Each structure stands twice: as C-alpha cells, then as structure tokens.
Amino acid sequence: MTGKAEFCARTNVSRETLAMLETHAGLLKRWNRSINLVSAGTTEALWTRHFLDSAQLLRLAPPARRWVDLGSGGGFPGAVVGIMARAVTETVLIEADQRKAAFLGALSRQTSGFRVMSERLESAEPQCGDVVSARALAPLGTLLGHVHRHLKPNGRAILPKGKNVQGEIRQALEHWRFDCKTYPSETDEDAVILSIGGIERA
C-alpha cells in the first residue's frame, strides 16, 4: 500500500479534500528545493510522516470553531487541519519566517483552507483559539507560554511530542499548572499526542 493509499484508507477523506492535499504535497515538494520546509529525507514518506501525522490530531481535538496552529512551517499540522476541517472550522496559521509564510500563503490561495499570519508568536494579537496546535516548535515549558497567549481559557492544546515528553512535562510543571491527557501517536511508536487544558502560570 502506498503512503497516499494508507492515508486515504485511514482518513476516508472526500475526493475534493484529497485533491487539496495533493496540491499541498506538490507545492511543498517544489518549494522544499529552496526552502527547508520539511527534512528532505521525509519527502518520500510525505503522506504518512506528515499528512497522516497531522490528520490524527483532528480525532483527538474537541469540536473547534477556531483552530490556531503555531509555527506552522510546511503546513503541519495547521494546513492539513485547515483543509480537512474547512467546512466547520476557521483555521489560523502563525508563522514568523517570511519565506515559510509565503509558502503557506501560496497554499492557502490554492486551497482556501486557512488564514496565514506572518508574525512572531509573542507579538501577534491573541487569537482566542478553541484549539491550539504546534508540532516540533519548542520544549513544552516554553511552548505553553505561546499556547496560553492564543488559547481561549476553556480551550485545549493538542501537541505532538517525542520520546522525551515526560522530562518536558516535569520541567513545564515548574512554571505552569495544567491538566494533561496523553495518547499514543498513530504514526510514530516513540511519539505521543498531548491534550492539555486548564493552563495557568504556577
């Protein structure tokens, strides 16, 4: 089974949605030659390593009228969420790197799946997201400062994390209070997805 076939089997997306994701894949491969959007070694596994990895967050998140993705880079998970949930969710991607933001803007124009803000997370106007996501952006203790700024008080953060997650949680609890649920990643046996709410400074 190819990566795309596995993605389709596990997400059951519509033909229209799949076409938009194919647009994302094609655009990313072209731009990735000059901008480091994703590691070159992962482009062959794009549909599982990046698209399916992003799509799984939708199953773990509560219903969201507004989803905010921080440090969106190549559009993972934000652009995938924006495209797949476009009928019910307004998705905002915040990316400070001008070149990456230009890529995301080009993708948004071709898919109409999301809005792009090219600003620093700490200076962007708070976005009041029902859900905030971020992948491979910062250690949890640092990341929660950005999440707290852009998340509604009763919202949830959905955060993919790697094998050092327990150490990150312990360090984050030195400065923050929060409730946290942990789910195994469907695409990486060493990774988990954190669902975090009730975020307050310690």
N, C-alpha and C. Protein backbone atom coordinates (compact mmCIF):
# COMPACT_ATOMS: atom_id res chain seq x y z
N MET A 1 0.84 -1.20 0.00
CA MET A 1 0.00 0.00 0.00
C MET A 1 0.88 1.25 0.00
N THR A 2 0.63 2.17 -0.90
CA THR A 2 1.40 3.41 -0.93
C THR A 2 1.02 4.29 0.25
N GLY A 3 1.86 5.30 0.50
CA GLY A 3 1.56 6.23 1.58
C GLY A 3 0.24 6.94 1.38
N LYS A 4 -0.02 7.36 0.16
CA LYS A 4 -1.29 8.05 -0.12
C LYS A 4 -2.47 7.11 0.08
N ALA A 5 -2.34 5.87 -0.37
CA ALA A 5 -3.42 4.89 -0.20
C ALA A 5 -3.68 4.62 1.27
N GLU A 6 -2.61 4.52 2.06
CA GLU A 6 -2.78 4.32 3.51
C GLU A 6 -3.47 5.53 4.13
N PHE A 7 -3.07 6.71 3.72
CA PHE A 7 -3.71 7.92 4.23
C PHE A 7 -5.21 7.90 3.93
N CYS A 8 -5.56 7.59 2.70
CA CYS A 8 -6.98 7.57 2.31
C CYS A 8 -7.76 6.51 3.09
N ALA A 9 -7.15 5.35 3.28
CA ALA A 9 -7.82 4.27 3.99
C ALA A 9 -8.08 4.63 5.45
N ARG A 10 -7.17 5.39 6.04
CA ARG A 10 -7.28 5.68 7.47
C ARG A 10 -8.02 6.97 7.77
N THR A 11 -8.23 7.81 6.77
CA THR A 11 -8.94 9.08 7.00
C THR A 11 -10.26 9.17 6.27
N ASN A 12 -10.43 8.42 5.19
CA ASN A 12 -11.68 8.44 4.41
C ASN A 12 -12.06 9.85 3.97
N VAL A 13 -11.09 10.62 3.49
CA VAL A 13 -11.37 11.99 3.04
C VAL A 13 -12.11 11.97 1.71
N SER A 14 -12.81 13.06 1.44
CA SER A 14 -13.52 13.18 0.18
C SER A 14 -12.54 13.39 -0.97
N ARG A 15 -13.03 13.20 -2.19
CA ARG A 15 -12.20 13.41 -3.37
C ARG A 15 -11.72 14.87 -3.44
N GLU A 16 -12.60 15.81 -3.08
CA GLU A 16 -12.24 17.23 -3.11
C GLU A 16 -11.13 17.53 -2.10
N THR A 17 -11.28 16.99 -0.90
CA THR A 17 -10.25 17.20 0.12
C THR A 17 -8.93 16.58 -0.30
N LEU A 18 -8.98 15.37 -0.85
CA LEU A 18 -7.75 14.72 -1.31
C LEU A 18 -7.06 15.55 -2.37
N ALA A 19 -7.82 16.16 -3.27
CA ALA A 19 -7.23 16.99 -4.32
C ALA A 19 -6.50 18.18 -3.72
N MET A 20 -7.05 18.77 -2.66
CA MET A 20 -6.39 19.90 -1.99
C MET A 20 -5.11 19.45 -1.30
N LEU A 21 -5.14 18.29 -0.69
CA LEU A 21 -3.95 17.76 -0.04
C LEU A 21 -2.88 17.40 -1.07
N GLU A 22 -3.29 16.92 -2.24
CA GLU A 22 -2.34 16.66 -3.32
C GLU A 22 -1.70 17.96 -3.79
N THR A 23 -2.49 19.04 -3.82
CA THR A 23 -1.94 20.36 -4.13
C THR A 23 -0.88 20.74 -3.11
N HIS A 24 -1.19 20.50 -1.83
CA HIS A 24 -0.24 20.77 -0.75
C HIS A 24 1.05 19.99 -0.98
N ALA A 25 0.93 18.70 -1.27
CA ALA A 25 2.11 17.85 -1.47
C ALA A 25 2.96 18.33 -2.64
N GLY A 26 2.31 18.65 -3.76
CA GLY A 26 3.05 19.10 -4.93
C GLY A 26 3.75 20.42 -4.71
N LEU A 27 3.05 21.36 -4.08
CA LEU A 27 3.64 22.67 -3.81
C LEU A 27 4.80 22.55 -2.83
N LEU A 28 4.63 21.72 -1.82
CA LEU A 28 5.69 21.56 -0.83
C LEU A 28 6.95 20.98 -1.46
N LYS A 29 6.80 19.99 -2.31
CA LYS A 29 7.98 19.38 -2.94
C LYS A 29 8.72 20.39 -3.81
N ARG A 30 7.98 21.27 -4.48
CA ARG A 30 8.64 22.30 -5.31
C ARG A 30 9.36 23.33 -4.44
N TRP A 31 8.67 23.84 -3.44
CA TRP A 31 9.26 24.88 -2.58
C TRP A 31 10.38 24.32 -1.72
N ASN A 32 10.32 23.03 -1.38
CA ASN A 32 11.30 22.45 -0.47
C ASN A 32 12.70 22.40 -1.08
N ARG A 33 12.78 22.57 -2.41
CA ARG A 33 14.10 22.60 -3.05
C ARG A 33 14.89 23.84 -2.66
N SER A 34 14.19 24.92 -2.32
CA SER A 34 14.88 26.17 -1.98
C SER A 34 14.63 26.62 -0.54
N ILE A 35 13.60 26.09 0.09
CA ILE A 35 13.29 26.43 1.48
C ILE A 35 13.17 25.14 2.26
N ASN A 36 13.78 25.08 3.44
CA ASN A 36 13.73 23.86 4.24
C ASN A 36 12.40 23.79 5.00
N LEU A 37 11.35 23.34 4.29
CA LEU A 37 10.02 23.22 4.91
C LEU A 37 9.91 21.94 5.71
N VAL A 38 10.40 20.84 5.17
CA VAL A 38 10.49 19.57 5.88
C VAL A 38 11.83 18.94 5.54
N SER A 39 12.29 18.03 6.38
CA SER A 39 13.55 17.34 6.11
C SER A 39 13.46 16.61 4.78
N ALA A 40 14.47 16.79 3.94
CA ALA A 40 14.45 16.17 2.61
C ALA A 40 14.28 14.66 2.68
N GLY A 41 14.78 14.06 3.74
CA GLY A 41 14.67 12.61 3.88
C GLY A 41 13.26 12.11 4.15
N THR A 42 12.34 13.02 4.49
CA THR A 42 10.97 12.60 4.79
C THR A 42 10.00 12.83 3.64
N THR A 43 10.45 13.41 2.53
CA THR A 43 9.52 13.73 1.44
C THR A 43 8.96 12.47 0.78
N GLU A 44 9.73 11.38 0.79
CA GLU A 44 9.23 10.14 0.19
C GLU A 44 8.11 9.53 1.03
N ALA A 45 8.10 9.85 2.32
CA ALA A 45 7.06 9.33 3.21
C ALA A 45 6.08 10.44 3.60
N LEU A 46 5.90 11.38 2.70
CA LEU A 46 5.12 12.59 3.00
C LEU A 46 3.71 12.28 3.52
N TRP A 47 3.04 11.32 2.90
CA TRP A 47 1.63 11.07 3.24
C TRP A 47 1.45 10.44 4.61
N THR A 48 2.43 9.69 5.07
CA THR A 48 2.32 9.11 6.41
C THR A 48 3.06 9.97 7.43
N ARG A 49 4.29 10.34 7.13
CA ARG A 49 5.13 11.07 8.10
C ARG A 49 4.58 12.45 8.40
N HIS A 50 3.92 13.09 7.44
CA HIS A 50 3.46 14.45 7.66
C HIS A 50 1.93 14.60 7.57
N PHE A 51 1.31 14.08 6.52
CA PHE A 51 -0.13 14.27 6.36
C PHE A 51 -0.93 13.45 7.37
N LEU A 52 -0.66 12.16 7.48
CA LEU A 52 -1.39 11.33 8.43
C LEU A 52 -1.05 11.73 9.86
N ASP A 53 0.20 12.07 10.09
CA ASP A 53 0.63 12.53 11.41
C ASP A 53 -0.16 13.76 11.84
N SER A 54 -0.46 14.65 10.90
CA SER A 54 -1.25 15.85 11.20
C SER A 54 -2.73 15.53 11.35
N ALA A 55 -3.24 14.67 10.47
CA ALA A 55 -4.67 14.37 10.45
C ALA A 55 -5.14 13.72 11.75
N GLN A 56 -4.26 12.96 12.40
CA GLN A 56 -4.68 12.28 13.63
C GLN A 56 -5.07 13.26 14.73
N LEU A 57 -4.58 14.49 14.67
CA LEU A 57 -4.91 15.46 15.71
C LEU A 57 -6.39 15.80 15.70
N LEU A 58 -7.01 15.75 14.53
CA LEU A 58 -8.44 16.07 14.44
C LEU A 58 -9.28 15.10 15.25
N ARG A 59 -8.86 13.86 15.35
CA ARG A 59 -9.62 12.86 16.10
C ARG A 59 -9.48 13.04 17.61
N LEU A 60 -8.44 13.72 18.03
CA LEU A 60 -8.18 13.91 19.47
C LEU A 60 -8.65 15.26 19.98
N ALA A 61 -8.96 16.17 19.08
CA ALA A 61 -9.34 17.53 19.48
C ALA A 61 -10.85 17.63 19.70
N PRO A 62 -11.29 18.51 20.60
CA PRO A 62 -12.71 18.77 20.73
C PRO A 62 -13.21 19.55 19.51
N PRO A 63 -14.52 19.61 19.28
CA PRO A 63 -15.04 20.43 18.18
C PRO A 63 -14.54 21.86 18.33
N ALA A 64 -14.10 22.45 17.23
CA ALA A 64 -13.48 23.78 17.29
C ALA A 64 -14.04 24.68 16.19
N ARG A 65 -14.53 25.84 16.59
CA ARG A 65 -14.91 26.85 15.59
C ARG A 65 -13.67 27.59 15.10
N ARG A 66 -12.65 27.65 15.96
CA ARG A 66 -11.41 28.35 15.61
C ARG A 66 -10.22 27.53 16.07
N TRP A 67 -9.37 27.18 15.14
CA TRP A 67 -8.16 26.37 15.42
C TRP A 67 -6.96 27.22 15.05
N VAL A 68 -6.01 27.33 15.96
CA VAL A 68 -4.81 28.14 15.76
C VAL A 68 -3.58 27.24 15.79
N ASP A 69 -2.77 27.30 14.74
CA ASP A 69 -1.56 26.49 14.66
C ASP A 69 -0.34 27.40 14.75
N LEU A 70 0.58 27.06 15.64
CA LEU A 70 1.74 27.91 15.92
C LEU A 70 2.99 27.37 15.24
N GLY A 71 3.74 28.27 14.59
CA GLY A 71 4.98 27.87 13.92
C GLY A 71 4.74 26.83 12.86
N SER A 72 3.88 27.15 11.90
CA SER A 72 3.30 26.15 11.00
C SER A 72 4.26 25.58 9.97
N GLY A 73 5.34 26.29 9.65
CA GLY A 73 6.36 25.73 8.75
C GLY A 73 5.82 25.28 7.41
N GLY A 74 5.91 23.99 7.13
CA GLY A 74 5.42 23.43 5.87
C GLY A 74 3.93 23.15 5.86
N GLY A 75 3.23 23.57 6.92
CA GLY A 75 1.78 23.39 6.97
C GLY A 75 1.34 22.21 7.80
N PHE A 76 2.22 21.74 8.70
CA PHE A 76 1.91 20.59 9.53
C PHE A 76 1.95 20.97 11.01
N PRO A 77 0.85 20.78 11.71
CA PRO A 77 -0.40 20.20 11.22
C PRO A 77 -1.41 21.20 10.66
N GLY A 78 -1.14 22.51 10.77
CA GLY A 78 -2.17 23.52 10.53
C GLY A 78 -2.86 23.49 9.18
N ALA A 79 -2.09 23.40 8.10
CA ALA A 79 -2.71 23.42 6.77
C ALA A 79 -3.54 22.17 6.53
N VAL A 80 -3.06 21.02 7.03
CA VAL A 80 -3.81 19.78 6.88
C VAL A 80 -5.14 19.88 7.64
N VAL A 81 -5.08 20.38 8.87
CA VAL A 81 -6.30 20.59 9.66
C VAL A 81 -7.23 21.56 8.93
N GLY A 82 -6.66 22.68 8.44
CA GLY A 82 -7.47 23.68 7.75
C GLY A 82 -8.19 23.13 6.54
N ILE A 83 -7.50 22.30 5.78
CA ILE A 83 -8.10 21.70 4.58
C ILE A 83 -9.14 20.66 4.95
N MET A 84 -8.81 19.79 5.90
CA MET A 84 -9.73 18.69 6.23
C MET A 84 -10.96 19.15 7.00
N ALA A 85 -10.82 20.22 7.79
CA ALA A 85 -11.94 20.68 8.62
C ALA A 85 -12.53 21.99 8.12
N ARG A 86 -12.25 22.35 6.86
CA ARG A 86 -12.60 23.68 6.37
C ARG A 86 -14.10 23.99 6.44
N ALA A 87 -14.95 22.97 6.41
CA ALA A 87 -16.40 23.21 6.41
C ALA A 87 -16.91 23.65 7.77
N VAL A 88 -16.19 23.34 8.84
CA VAL A 88 -16.70 23.61 10.18
C VAL A 88 -15.77 24.45 11.04
N THR A 89 -14.54 24.64 10.60
CA THR A 89 -13.54 25.29 11.45
C THR A 89 -12.78 26.38 10.71
N GLU A 90 -12.63 27.53 11.36
CA GLU A 90 -11.73 28.58 10.85
C GLU A 90 -10.34 28.28 11.39
N THR A 91 -9.38 28.14 10.51
CA THR A 91 -8.02 27.78 10.93
C THR A 91 -7.07 28.93 10.63
N VAL A 92 -6.26 29.28 11.64
CA VAL A 92 -5.29 30.37 11.52
C VAL A 92 -3.90 29.79 11.75
N LEU A 93 -2.99 30.03 10.81
CA LEU A 93 -1.61 29.58 10.91
C LEU A 93 -0.72 30.78 11.18
N ILE A 94 0.08 30.70 12.23
CA ILE A 94 1.01 31.78 12.57
C ILE A 94 2.44 31.30 12.31
N GLU A 95 3.14 31.99 11.43
CA GLU A 95 4.50 31.61 11.03
C GLU A 95 5.35 32.86 10.87
N ALA A 96 6.40 32.98 11.70
CA ALA A 96 7.22 34.19 11.69
C ALA A 96 8.19 34.23 10.51
N ASP A 97 8.66 33.07 10.05
CA ASP A 97 9.62 33.03 8.95
C ASP A 97 8.93 33.49 7.66
N GLN A 98 9.45 34.55 7.05
CA GLN A 98 8.78 35.16 5.90
C GLN A 98 8.69 34.22 4.71
N ARG A 99 9.71 33.42 4.48
CA ARG A 99 9.69 32.51 3.33
C ARG A 99 8.68 31.38 3.54
N LYS A 100 8.65 30.85 4.75
CA LYS A 100 7.67 29.80 5.04
C LYS A 100 6.26 30.36 5.00
N ALA A 101 6.08 31.58 5.50
CA ALA A 101 4.77 32.22 5.44
C ALA A 101 4.34 32.45 3.99
N ALA A 102 5.30 32.76 3.11
CA ALA A 102 4.99 32.93 1.69
C ALA A 102 4.50 31.62 1.09
N PHE A 103 5.16 30.52 1.46
CA PHE A 103 4.70 29.20 1.00
C PHE A 103 3.27 28.93 1.48
N LEU A 104 3.02 29.18 2.76
CA LEU A 104 1.69 28.93 3.31
C LEU A 104 0.64 29.82 2.65
N GLY A 105 1.02 31.06 2.35
CA GLY A 105 0.09 31.96 1.66
C GLY A 105 -0.25 31.45 0.28
N ALA A 106 0.75 30.94 -0.44
CA ALA A 106 0.51 30.38 -1.77
C ALA A 106 -0.40 29.17 -1.69
N LEU A 107 -0.17 28.32 -0.68
CA LEU A 107 -1.01 27.14 -0.50
C LEU A 107 -2.44 27.53 -0.13
N SER A 108 -2.58 28.52 0.73
CA SER A 108 -3.91 28.97 1.13
C SER A 108 -4.71 29.50 -0.06
N ARG A 109 -4.03 30.23 -0.94
CA ARG A 109 -4.73 30.78 -2.12
C ARG A 109 -5.22 29.66 -3.04
N GLN A 110 -4.51 28.54 -3.07
CA GLN A 110 -4.90 27.44 -3.95
C GLN A 110 -5.92 26.49 -3.32
N THR A 111 -6.06 26.55 -1.99
CA THR A 111 -6.96 25.62 -1.32
C THR A 111 -8.08 26.31 -0.54
N SER A 112 -7.89 27.59 -0.18
CA SER A 112 -8.85 28.35 0.64
C SER A 112 -9.16 27.63 1.95
N GLY A 113 -8.15 26.95 2.49
CA GLY A 113 -8.40 26.16 3.69
C GLY A 113 -8.09 26.85 5.01
N PHE A 114 -7.38 28.00 4.96
CA PHE A 114 -6.91 28.59 6.21
C PHE A 114 -6.41 30.01 5.96
N ARG A 115 -6.13 30.73 7.07
CA ARG A 115 -5.58 32.08 7.01
C ARG A 115 -4.17 32.06 7.58
N VAL A 116 -3.30 32.88 7.03
CA VAL A 116 -1.90 32.91 7.44
C VAL A 116 -1.56 34.26 8.06
N MET A 117 -0.90 34.22 9.22
CA MET A 117 -0.37 35.43 9.87
C MET A 117 1.14 35.30 9.92
N SER A 118 1.85 36.23 9.28
CA SER A 118 3.31 36.21 9.28
C SER A 118 3.80 37.14 10.39
N GLU A 119 3.77 36.64 11.62
CA GLU A 119 4.15 37.43 12.79
C GLU A 119 4.81 36.53 13.81
N ARG A 120 5.52 37.14 14.74
CA ARG A 120 6.09 36.39 15.85
C ARG A 120 4.98 36.02 16.83
N LEU A 121 5.07 34.84 17.40
CA LEU A 121 4.01 34.35 18.28
C LEU A 121 3.77 35.26 19.46
N GLU A 122 4.85 35.81 20.00
CA GLU A 122 4.72 36.62 21.22
C GLU A 122 4.20 38.02 20.95
N SER A 123 4.19 38.46 19.70
CA SER A 123 3.69 39.79 19.39
C SER A 123 2.40 39.78 18.58
N ALA A 124 2.03 38.62 18.03
CA ALA A 124 0.77 38.52 17.28
C ALA A 124 -0.41 38.74 18.23
N GLU A 125 -1.44 39.37 17.72
CA GLU A 125 -2.65 39.57 18.52
C GLU A 125 -3.18 38.22 18.99
N PRO A 126 -3.55 38.10 20.27
CA PRO A 126 -4.08 36.83 20.77
C PRO A 126 -5.26 36.35 19.91
N GLN A 127 -5.25 35.07 19.55
CA GLN A 127 -6.19 34.55 18.57
C GLN A 127 -7.39 33.82 19.16
N CYS A 128 -7.42 33.59 20.46
CA CYS A 128 -8.58 33.01 21.14
C CYS A 128 -9.05 31.72 20.47
N GLY A 129 -8.14 30.80 20.26
CA GLY A 129 -8.50 29.54 19.62
C GLY A 129 -9.22 28.59 20.56
N ASP A 130 -10.19 27.86 20.03
CA ASP A 130 -10.79 26.76 20.79
C ASP A 130 -9.77 25.63 20.93
N VAL A 131 -8.95 25.48 19.89
CA VAL A 131 -7.84 24.53 19.90
C VAL A 131 -6.59 25.24 19.40
N VAL A 132 -5.46 24.97 20.05
CA VAL A 132 -4.16 25.44 19.58
C VAL A 132 -3.26 24.23 19.38
N SER A 133 -2.57 24.19 18.26
CA SER A 133 -1.65 23.09 17.97
C SER A 133 -0.27 23.65 17.64
N ALA A 134 0.73 22.79 17.76
CA ALA A 134 2.10 23.13 17.36
C ALA A 134 2.88 21.84 17.29
N ARG A 135 3.70 21.70 16.25
CA ARG A 135 4.50 20.48 16.09
C ARG A 135 5.96 20.86 15.99
N ALA A 136 6.78 20.23 16.85
CA ALA A 136 8.24 20.39 16.81
C ALA A 136 8.65 21.86 16.87
N LEU A 137 8.01 22.62 17.76
CA LEU A 137 8.27 24.05 17.83
C LEU A 137 9.20 24.42 18.98
N ALA A 138 8.94 23.89 20.18
CA ALA A 138 9.71 24.27 21.36
C ALA A 138 9.44 23.27 22.47
N PRO A 139 10.32 23.21 23.49
CA PRO A 139 10.03 22.39 24.67
C PRO A 139 8.71 22.85 25.31
N LEU A 140 8.04 21.93 25.98
CA LEU A 140 6.69 22.21 26.47
C LEU A 140 6.62 23.43 27.38
N GLY A 141 7.61 23.60 28.26
CA GLY A 141 7.57 24.74 29.18
C GLY A 141 7.57 26.07 28.44
N THR A 142 8.34 26.17 27.37
CA THR A 142 8.37 27.38 26.53
C THR A 142 7.10 27.47 25.69
N LEU A 143 6.71 26.34 25.13
CA LEU A 143 5.56 26.30 24.23
C LEU A 143 4.28 26.74 24.93
N LEU A 144 4.11 26.38 26.19
CA LEU A 144 2.88 26.73 26.89
C LEU A 144 2.69 28.24 27.03
N GLY A 145 3.78 29.00 27.04
CA GLY A 145 3.64 30.46 27.06
C GLY A 145 2.97 30.96 25.80
N HIS A 146 3.35 30.41 24.66
CA HIS A 146 2.72 30.79 23.40
C HIS A 146 1.29 30.27 23.31
N VAL A 147 1.10 29.03 23.75
CA VAL A 147 -0.25 28.45 23.72
C VAL A 147 -1.19 29.27 24.58
N HIS A 148 -0.75 29.60 25.78
CA HIS A 148 -1.59 30.36 26.72
C HIS A 148 -2.02 31.70 26.12
N ARG A 149 -1.15 32.31 25.34
CA ARG A 149 -1.48 33.60 24.72
C ARG A 149 -2.59 33.46 23.67
N HIS A 150 -2.61 32.36 22.95
CA HIS A 150 -3.50 32.24 21.79
C HIS A 150 -4.67 31.28 21.99
N LEU A 151 -4.84 30.75 23.21
CA LEU A 151 -5.90 29.79 23.50
C LEU A 151 -6.97 30.42 24.38
N LYS A 152 -8.24 30.09 24.10
CA LYS A 152 -9.32 30.51 24.99
C LYS A 152 -9.11 29.86 26.37
N PRO A 153 -9.63 30.49 27.42
CA PRO A 153 -9.44 29.92 28.76
C PRO A 153 -9.95 28.48 28.90
N ASN A 154 -11.00 28.13 28.19
CA ASN A 154 -11.54 26.77 28.28
C ASN A 154 -11.15 25.91 27.07
N GLY A 155 -10.12 26.34 26.32
CA GLY A 155 -9.71 25.61 25.13
C GLY A 155 -8.75 24.48 25.45
N ARG A 156 -8.36 23.73 24.41
CA ARG A 156 -7.41 22.63 24.56
C ARG A 156 -6.25 22.82 23.61
N ALA A 157 -5.07 22.50 24.08
CA ALA A 157 -3.88 22.43 23.22
C ALA A 157 -3.67 20.98 22.82
N ILE A 158 -3.45 20.74 21.52
CA ILE A 158 -3.19 19.40 21.00
C ILE A 158 -1.78 19.42 20.44
N LEU A 159 -0.86 18.74 21.14
CA LEU A 159 0.57 18.93 20.88
C LEU A 159 1.28 17.59 20.67
N PRO A 160 1.74 17.30 19.45
CA PRO A 160 2.58 16.11 19.24
C PRO A 160 3.93 16.29 19.94
N LYS A 161 4.39 15.23 20.61
CA LYS A 161 5.67 15.28 21.31
C LYS A 161 6.42 13.97 21.13
N GLY A 162 7.73 14.03 21.30
CA GLY A 162 8.59 12.87 21.10
C GLY A 162 8.84 12.08 22.38
N LYS A 163 9.88 11.25 22.34
CA LYS A 163 10.11 10.30 23.42
C LYS A 163 10.57 10.94 24.73
N ASN A 164 10.99 12.20 24.68
CA ASN A 164 11.43 12.88 25.91
C ASN A 164 10.29 13.65 26.59
N VAL A 165 9.06 13.27 26.29
CA VAL A 165 7.90 14.05 26.73
C VAL A 165 7.78 14.11 28.26
N GLN A 166 8.11 13.03 28.96
CA GLN A 166 7.94 13.06 30.42
C GLN A 166 8.87 14.08 31.06
N GLY A 167 10.09 14.19 30.54
CA GLY A 167 11.00 15.21 31.05
C GLY A 167 10.49 16.61 30.76
N GLU A 168 9.90 16.80 29.58
CA GLU A 168 9.34 18.11 29.23
C GLU A 168 8.17 18.47 30.15
N ILE A 169 7.32 17.48 30.46
CA ILE A 169 6.18 17.73 31.34
C ILE A 169 6.67 18.12 32.73
N ARG A 170 7.65 17.39 33.26
CA ARG A 170 8.19 17.72 34.59
C ARG A 170 8.75 19.13 34.63
N GLN A 171 9.50 19.52 33.60
CA GLN A 171 10.06 20.87 33.57
C GLN A 171 8.97 21.92 33.42
N ALA A 172 7.95 21.63 32.61
CA ALA A 172 6.87 22.59 32.42
C ALA A 172 6.11 22.83 33.71
N LEU A 173 5.96 21.79 34.55
CA LEU A 173 5.21 21.92 35.81
C LEU A 173 5.92 22.79 36.83
N GLU A 174 7.17 23.13 36.57
CA GLU A 174 7.88 24.07 37.45
C GLU A 174 7.34 25.49 37.28
N HIS A 175 6.73 25.77 36.13
CA HIS A 175 6.27 27.12 35.84
C HIS A 175 4.78 27.21 35.50
N TRP A 176 4.15 26.06 35.22
CA TRP A 176 2.76 26.06 34.77
C TRP A 176 1.94 25.02 35.53
N ARG A 177 0.63 25.26 35.58
CA ARG A 177 -0.33 24.26 36.06
C ARG A 177 -1.26 23.93 34.90
N PHE A 178 -1.56 22.67 34.71
CA PHE A 178 -2.42 22.26 33.59
C PHE A 178 -2.87 20.83 33.80
N ASP A 179 -3.96 20.46 33.13
CA ASP A 179 -4.32 19.05 33.08
C ASP A 179 -3.86 18.50 31.73
N CYS A 180 -3.45 17.25 31.75
CA CYS A 180 -2.82 16.68 30.56
C CYS A 180 -3.25 15.24 30.35
N LYS A 181 -3.72 14.95 29.14
CA LYS A 181 -4.01 13.59 28.72
C LYS A 181 -3.01 13.21 27.63
N THR A 182 -2.56 11.98 27.66
CA THR A 182 -1.54 11.51 26.72
C THR A 182 -2.09 10.37 25.87
N TYR A 183 -1.90 10.50 24.55
CA TYR A 183 -2.37 9.48 23.61
C TYR A 183 -1.19 9.00 22.77
N PRO A 184 -1.12 7.71 22.44
CA PRO A 184 -0.05 7.24 21.56
C PRO A 184 -0.22 7.77 20.15
N SER A 185 0.88 8.12 19.52
CA SER A 185 0.83 8.54 18.12
C SER A 185 0.51 7.35 17.23
N GLU A 186 -0.29 7.59 16.20
CA GLU A 186 -0.62 6.53 15.24
C GLU A 186 0.48 6.35 14.19
N THR A 187 1.42 7.27 14.13
CA THR A 187 2.41 7.23 13.05
C THR A 187 3.85 7.05 13.54
N ASP A 188 4.08 7.13 14.85
CA ASP A 188 5.44 7.02 15.38
C ASP A 188 5.36 6.37 16.76
N GLU A 189 5.89 5.17 16.90
CA GLU A 189 5.76 4.44 18.16
C GLU A 189 6.49 5.12 19.31
N ASP A 190 7.42 6.03 19.02
CA ASP A 190 8.14 6.74 20.07
C ASP A 190 7.49 8.08 20.43
N ALA A 191 6.43 8.44 19.73
CA ALA A 191 5.81 9.75 19.93
C ALA A 191 4.45 9.64 20.61
N VAL A 192 4.00 10.75 21.16
CA VAL A 192 2.68 10.83 21.80
C VAL A 192 2.02 12.13 21.37
N ILE A 193 0.72 12.22 21.63
CA ILE A 193 -0.02 13.46 21.45
C ILE A 193 -0.52 13.89 22.83
N LEU A 194 -0.22 15.12 23.21
CA LEU A 194 -0.71 15.67 24.47
C LEU A 194 -1.97 16.49 24.21
N SER A 195 -2.98 16.28 25.07
CA SER A 195 -4.17 17.14 25.07
C SER A 195 -4.15 17.88 26.40
N ILE A 196 -3.95 19.19 26.34
CA ILE A 196 -3.69 19.99 27.54
C ILE A 196 -4.73 21.09 27.68
N GLY A 197 -5.24 21.24 28.89
CA GLY A 197 -6.19 22.32 29.16
C GLY A 197 -5.96 22.88 30.57
N GLY A 198 -6.77 23.86 30.95
CA GLY A 198 -6.65 24.46 32.29
C GLY A 198 -5.29 25.08 32.53
N ILE A 199 -4.72 25.71 31.52
CA ILE A 199 -3.34 26.22 31.61
C ILE A 199 -3.30 27.50 32.43
N GLU A 200 -2.50 27.49 33.49
CA GLU A 200 -2.30 28.67 34.34
C GLU A 200 -0.83 28.74 34.73
N ARG A 201 -0.35 29.95 34.95
CA ARG A 201 1.01 30.11 35.45
C ARG A 201 1.09 29.66 36.91
N ALA A 202 2.18 28.97 37.24
CA ALA A 202 2.34 28.45 38.61
C ALA A 202 2.65 29.59 39.58
